[in-house]
Amino acid sequence: SNLKLPNLSPRIIFIAIAVLFGVVVVLDSIYQVQPEEVGVIRRFGRYNAPPRLPGLQFKLPFIDTVVKVPVQRQLKQEFGFRTADPTGRRTIYSPQDFLGESLMLTGDLNVAVVEWIVQYRVSDPYQYLFRVRNVEETFRDMTEAVMRGVIEDRTVTEVLTVGRQEIESAVKVQLQE
């Protein structure tokens, strides 16, 4: 059977392409920043303007890209374990995966398994995005190095019992520096 296509004029094809292009431009120029975030505009990959506040925002289509940074949300890194579900009720303990980051040598040459959580907020989105390469990995390495430095100055008894608050305070001060 012969299937006949409708006779389309060049004008109708041009209008359809123009409408499609207009829809793509509009969809690429509108974005929304959530209440706990700010939007950082990058024009051709470079920092362009101050962070955009939450709400509906506009950008130049095809030229600007938006990176959303959670500045109001409290972020966390877990060491020695990982939380399995988002509600925080179950944790995964797997010695093969996390023993390397939690196994530490104390000052009295004993070995302790130290598990901890670091909670933080992003205070400067520009510094977070453009001044540190691989921010999450760098932060994890820095935190682990500081914790190891503090643990190696303590006895195993201090690490496991009475010195926990002092260790927490010392790590907090060194990380903030």
C-alpha atoms as a PDB file:
ATOM      1  CA  SER A   1       0.000   0.000   0.000  1.00  0.00           C
ATOM      2  CA  ASN A   2       1.175   3.474  -0.807  1.00  0.00           C
ATOM      3  CA  LEU A   3       1.232   5.811   2.155  1.00  0.00           C
ATOM      4  CA  LYS A   4       0.892   9.455   1.248  1.00  0.00           C
ATOM      5  CA  LEU A   5       2.401  12.136   3.431  1.00  0.00           C
ATOM      6  CA  PRO A   6       0.554  15.402   3.806  1.00  0.00           C
ATOM      7  CA  ASN A   7       1.851  18.165   1.604  1.00  0.00           C
ATOM      8  CA  LEU A   8       3.865  20.442   3.953  1.00  0.00           C
ATOM      9  CA  SER A   9       4.838  23.850   2.748  1.00  0.00           C
ATOM     10  CA  PRO A  10       8.279  25.282   3.562  1.00  0.00           C
ATOM     11  CA  ARG A  11       6.586  28.022   5.594  1.00  0.00           C
ATOM     12  CA  ILE A  12       4.961  25.513   7.973  1.00  0.00           C
ATOM     13  CA  ILE A  13       8.248  23.640   8.390  1.00  0.00           C
ATOM     14  CA  PHE A  14      10.062  26.924   9.154  1.00  0.00           C
ATOM     15  CA  ILE A  15       7.433  27.934  11.742  1.00  0.00           C
ATOM     16  CA  ALA A  16       7.608  24.509  13.428  1.00  0.00           C
ATOM     17  CA  ILE A  17      11.409  24.697  13.655  1.00  0.00           C
ATOM     18  CA  ALA A  18      11.247  28.275  15.012  1.00  0.00           C
ATOM     19  CA  VAL A  19       8.690  27.303  17.673  1.00  0.00           C
ATOM     20  CA  LEU A  20      10.761  24.272  18.679  1.00  0.00           C
ATOM     21  CA  PHE A  21      13.898  26.429  18.924  1.00  0.00           C
ATOM     22  CA  GLY A  22      12.005  29.021  21.003  1.00  0.00           C
ATOM     23  CA  VAL A  23      10.798  26.351  23.432  1.00  0.00           C
ATOM     24  CA  VAL A  24      14.349  25.000  23.837  1.00  0.00           C
ATOM     25  CA  VAL A  25      15.707  28.525  24.481  1.00  0.00           C
ATOM     26  CA  VAL A  26      13.047  29.274  27.100  1.00  0.00           C
ATOM     27  CA  LEU A  27      13.539  25.922  28.858  1.00  0.00           C
ATOM     28  CA  ASP A  28      17.327  26.396  28.908  1.00  0.00           C
ATOM     29  CA  SER A  29      17.146  29.934  30.315  1.00  0.00           C
ATOM     30  CA  ILE A  30      14.851  29.289  33.309  1.00  0.00           C
ATOM     31  CA  TYR A  31      15.963  27.424  36.422  1.00  0.00           C
ATOM     32  CA  GLN A  32      14.942  27.179  40.062  1.00  0.00           C
ATOM     33  CA  VAL A  33      17.148  27.452  43.133  1.00  0.00           C
ATOM     34  CA  GLN A  34      15.817  25.577  46.175  1.00  0.00           C
ATOM     35  CA  PRO A  35      15.529  27.306  49.596  1.00  0.00           C
ATOM     36  CA  GLU A  36      18.670  25.698  51.050  1.00  0.00           C
ATOM     37  CA  GLU A  37      20.819  26.434  47.984  1.00  0.00           C
ATOM     38  CA  VAL A  38      22.386  29.265  46.028  1.00  0.00           C
ATOM     39  CA  GLY A  39      22.959  29.179  42.299  1.00  0.00           C
ATOM     40  CA  VAL A  40      26.409  30.002  40.975  1.00  0.00           C
ATOM     41  CA  ILE A  41      26.491  31.119  37.344  1.00  0.00           C
ATOM     42  CA  ARG A  42      29.395  30.000  35.168  1.00  0.00           C
ATOM     43  CA  ARG A  43      29.729  31.726  31.815  1.00  0.00           C
ATOM     44  CA  PHE A  44      31.817  29.563  29.498  1.00  0.00           C
ATOM     45  CA  GLY A  45      33.064  27.727  32.621  1.00  0.00           C
ATOM     46  CA  ARG A  46      34.244  30.814  34.548  1.00  0.00           C
ATOM     47  CA  TYR A  47      32.692  32.377  37.620  1.00  0.00           C
ATOM     48  CA  ASN A  48      30.444  35.187  36.391  1.00  0.00           C
ATOM     49  CA  ALA A  49      28.151  36.790  38.954  1.00  0.00           C
ATOM     50  CA  PRO A  50      27.351  36.754  42.673  1.00  0.00           C
ATOM     51  CA  PRO A  51      25.398  33.678  43.817  1.00  0.00           C
ATOM     52  CA  ARG A  52      21.700  33.712  42.960  1.00  0.00           C
ATOM     53  CA  LEU A  53      19.241  33.476  45.819  1.00  0.00           C
ATOM     54  CA  PRO A  54      16.474  30.859  46.065  1.00  0.00           C
ATOM     55  CA  GLY A  55      13.567  31.124  43.673  1.00  0.00           C
ATOM     56  CA  LEU A  56      12.908  31.159  39.949  1.00  0.00           C
ATOM     57  CA  GLN A  57      15.925  32.582  38.095  1.00  0.00           C
ATOM     58  CA  PHE A  58      16.993  33.294  34.531  1.00  0.00           C
ATOM     59  CA  LYS A  59      20.295  32.796  32.699  1.00  0.00           C
ATOM     60  CA  LEU A  60      21.621  33.168  29.181  1.00  0.00           C
ATOM     61  CA  PRO A  61      20.702  30.039  27.244  1.00  0.00           C
ATOM     62  CA  PHE A  62      23.531  27.847  25.901  1.00  0.00           C
ATOM     63  CA  ILE A  63      26.165  30.220  27.371  1.00  0.00           C
ATOM     64  CA  ASP A  64      25.624  30.117  31.135  1.00  0.00           C
ATOM     65  CA  THR A  65      25.569  27.022  33.321  1.00  0.00           C
ATOM     66  CA  VAL A  66      24.289  26.910  36.878  1.00  0.00           C
ATOM     67  CA  VAL A  67      25.859  25.002  39.746  1.00  0.00           C
ATOM     68  CA  LYS A  68      23.664  24.731  42.825  1.00  0.00           C
ATOM     69  CA  VAL A  69      25.536  24.749  46.137  1.00  0.00           C
ATOM     70  CA  PRO A  70      23.761  23.725  49.379  1.00  0.00           C
ATOM     71  CA  VAL A  71      24.713  26.551  51.763  1.00  0.00           C
ATOM     72  CA  GLN A  72      21.928  26.095  54.339  1.00  0.00           C
ATOM     73  CA  ARG A  73      21.995  22.303  54.465  1.00  0.00           C
ATOM     74  CA  GLN A  74      24.199  20.547  56.986  1.00  0.00           C
ATOM     75  CA  LEU A  75      26.438  18.112  55.103  1.00  0.00           C
ATOM     76  CA  LYS A  76      28.256  15.187  56.650  1.00  0.00           C
ATOM     77  CA  GLN A  77      31.096  12.777  56.020  1.00  0.00           C
ATOM     78  CA  GLU A  78      31.206   9.373  57.723  1.00  0.00           C
ATOM     79  CA  PHE A  79      34.462   7.597  58.566  1.00  0.00           C
ATOM     80  CA  GLY A  80      34.712   3.901  59.434  1.00  0.00           C
ATOM     81  CA  PHE A  81      31.110   3.151  58.444  1.00  0.00           C
ATOM     82  CA  ARG A  82      28.411   4.306  56.031  1.00  0.00           C
ATOM     83  CA  THR A  83      24.742   4.923  56.679  1.00  0.00           C
ATOM     84  CA  ALA A  84      22.740   2.582  54.465  1.00  0.00           C
ATOM     85  CA  ASP A  85      19.376   4.333  54.255  1.00  0.00           C
ATOM     86  CA  PRO A  86      18.528   8.034  54.201  1.00  0.00           C
ATOM     87  CA  THR A  87      16.589   7.876  57.487  1.00  0.00           C
ATOM     88  CA  GLY A  88      19.808   7.055  59.310  1.00  0.00           C
ATOM     89  CA  ARG A  89      18.437   3.964  61.061  1.00  0.00           C
ATOM     90  CA  ARG A  90      20.696   1.295  59.545  1.00  0.00           C
ATOM     91  CA  THR A  91      24.441   1.410  59.202  1.00  0.00           C
ATOM     92  CA  ILE A  92      26.778  -0.787  57.212  1.00  0.00           C
ATOM     93  CA  TYR A  93      29.839  -2.093  58.984  1.00  0.00           C
ATOM     94  CA  SER A  94      32.177  -3.816  56.593  1.00  0.00           C
ATOM     95  CA  PRO A  95      35.747  -4.260  57.819  1.00  0.00           C
ATOM     96  CA  GLN A  96      37.053  -4.776  54.303  1.00  0.00           C
ATOM     97  CA  ASP A  97      35.768  -1.454  53.006  1.00  0.00           C
ATOM     98  CA  PHE A  98      36.275   0.956  55.894  1.00  0.00           C
ATOM     99  CA  LEU A  99      38.995  -0.535  58.093  1.00  0.00           C
ATOM    100  CA  GLY A 100      41.689   1.477  56.336  1.00  0.00           C
ATOM    101  CA  GLU A 101      40.170   4.800  57.370  1.00  0.00           C
ATOM    102  CA  SER A 102      39.190   3.797  60.904  1.00  0.00           C
ATOM    103  CA  LEU A 103      42.190   1.728  62.067  1.00  0.00           C
ATOM    104  CA  MET A 104      44.629   4.001  63.939  1.00  0.00           C
ATOM    105  CA  LEU A 105      47.777   3.728  66.016  1.00  0.00           C
ATOM    106  CA  THR A 106      47.627   5.459  69.411  1.00  0.00           C
ATOM    107  CA  GLY A 107      50.442   7.171  71.279  1.00  0.00           C
ATOM    108  CA  ASP A 108      51.074   4.113  73.470  1.00  0.00           C
ATOM    109  CA  LEU A 109      51.452   1.929  70.322  1.00  0.00           C
ATOM    110  CA  ASN A 110      48.058   0.252  70.572  1.00  0.00           C
ATOM    111  CA  VAL A 111      45.630  -0.049  67.691  1.00  0.00           C
ATOM    112  CA  ALA A 112      42.136   1.450  67.947  1.00  0.00           C
ATOM    113  CA  VAL A 113      39.222   1.397  65.550  1.00  0.00           C
ATOM    114  CA  VAL A 114      37.917   4.968  65.516  1.00  0.00           C
ATOM    115  CA  GLU A 115      34.634   5.766  63.779  1.00  0.00           C
ATOM    116  CA  TRP A 116      33.409   9.345  63.513  1.00  0.00           C
ATOM    117  CA  ILE A 117      31.185  11.761  61.634  1.00  0.00           C
ATOM    118  CA  VAL A 118      32.083  15.275  60.538  1.00  0.00           C
ATOM    119  CA  GLN A 119      29.224  17.705  59.953  1.00  0.00           C
ATOM    120  CA  TYR A 120      29.798  20.944  58.063  1.00  0.00           C
ATOM    121  CA  ARG A 121      28.197  23.714  56.020  1.00  0.00           C
ATOM    122  CA  VAL A 122      29.427  25.511  52.932  1.00  0.00           C
ATOM    123  CA  SER A 123      29.899  29.163  53.888  1.00  0.00           C
ATOM    124  CA  ASP A 124      31.414  30.498  50.648  1.00  0.00           C
ATOM    125  CA  PRO A 125      30.162  28.906  47.410  1.00  0.00           C
ATOM    126  CA  TYR A 126      32.898  30.553  45.331  1.00  0.00           C
ATOM    127  CA  GLN A 127      35.687  29.095  47.496  1.00  0.00           C
ATOM    128  CA  TYR A 128      33.893  25.723  47.575  1.00  0.00           C
ATOM    129  CA  LEU A 129      33.596  25.478  43.781  1.00  0.00           C
ATOM    130  CA  PHE A 130      36.669  27.240  42.434  1.00  0.00           C
ATOM    131  CA  ARG A 131      39.456  27.307  45.026  1.00  0.00           C
ATOM    132  CA  VAL A 132      39.804  23.610  45.947  1.00  0.00           C
ATOM    133  CA  ARG A 133      40.107  20.751  43.493  1.00  0.00           C
ATOM    134  CA  ASN A 134      37.972  17.693  44.358  1.00  0.00           C
ATOM    135  CA  VAL A 135      36.451  19.302  47.450  1.00  0.00           C
ATOM    136  CA  GLU A 136      34.834  16.201  48.955  1.00  0.00           C
ATOM    137  CA  GLU A 137      37.912  14.016  48.522  1.00  0.00           C
ATOM    138  CA  THR A 138      40.233  16.757  49.802  1.00  0.00           C
ATOM    139  CA  PHE A 139      38.017  17.309  52.843  1.00  0.00           C
ATOM    140  CA  ARG A 140      37.943  13.573  53.605  1.00  0.00           C
ATOM    141  CA  ASP A 141      41.735  13.283  53.336  1.00  0.00           C
ATOM    142  CA  MET A 142      42.261  16.380  55.471  1.00  0.00           C
ATOM    143  CA  THR A 143      39.839  15.162  58.146  1.00  0.00           C
ATOM    144  CA  GLU A 144      41.429  11.734  58.296  1.00  0.00           C
ATOM    145  CA  ALA A 145      44.931  13.242  58.574  1.00  0.00           C
ATOM    146  CA  VAL A 146      43.878  15.568  61.404  1.00  0.00           C
ATOM    147  CA  MET A 147      42.139  12.738  63.267  1.00  0.00           C
ATOM    148  CA  ARG A 148      45.200  10.494  62.949  1.00  0.00           C
ATOM    149  CA  GLY A 149      47.435  13.308  64.236  1.00  0.00           C
ATOM    150  CA  VAL A 150      45.240  13.832  67.290  1.00  0.00           C
ATOM    151  CA  ILE A 151      44.834  10.096  68.008  1.00  0.00           C
ATOM    152  CA  GLU A 152      48.585   9.428  67.871  1.00  0.00           C
ATOM    153  CA  ASP A 153      49.086  11.816  70.804  1.00  0.00           C
ATOM    154  CA  ARG A 154      46.666   9.902  73.086  1.00  0.00           C
ATOM    155  CA  THR A 155      46.636   6.559  74.857  1.00  0.00           C
ATOM    156  CA  VAL A 156      44.176   3.884  73.817  1.00  0.00           C
ATOM    157  CA  THR A 157      42.274   4.375  77.095  1.00  0.00           C
ATOM    158  CA  GLU A 158      41.794   8.057  76.349  1.00  0.00           C
ATOM    159  CA  VAL A 159      40.662   7.331  72.798  1.00  0.00           C
ATOM    160  CA  LEU A 160      38.060   4.783  73.873  1.00  0.00           C
ATOM    161  CA  THR A 161      36.780   6.424  77.077  1.00  0.00           C
ATOM    162  CA  VAL A 162      37.491   9.734  78.812  1.00  0.00           C
ATOM    163  CA  GLY A 163      39.365  11.619  76.079  1.00  0.00           C
ATOM    164  CA  ARG A 164      36.649  11.595  73.439  1.00  0.00           C
ATOM    165  CA  GLN A 165      35.501  15.179  74.104  1.00  0.00           C
ATOM    166  CA  GLU A 166      39.087  16.463  74.058  1.00  0.00           C
ATOM    167  CA  ILE A 167      39.740  14.637  70.789  1.00  0.00           C
ATOM    168  CA  GLU A 168      36.573  16.107  69.285  1.00  0.00           C
ATOM    169  CA  SER A 169      37.535  19.622  70.338  1.00  0.00           C
ATOM    170  CA  ALA A 170      41.114  19.290  69.086  1.00  0.00           C
ATOM    171  CA  VAL A 171      40.012  17.936  65.696  1.00  0.00           C
ATOM    172  CA  LYS A 172      37.390  20.669  65.338  1.00  0.00           C
ATOM    173  CA  VAL A 173      39.924  23.431  66.028  1.00  0.00           C
ATOM    174  CA  GLN A 174      42.523  21.999  63.630  1.00  0.00           C
ATOM    175  CA  LEU A 175      40.002  21.448  60.838  1.00  0.00           C
ATOM    176  CA  GLN A 176      38.691  24.990  61.115  1.00  0.00           C
ATOM    177  CA  GLU A 177      42.226  26.351  60.889  1.00  0.00           C
END
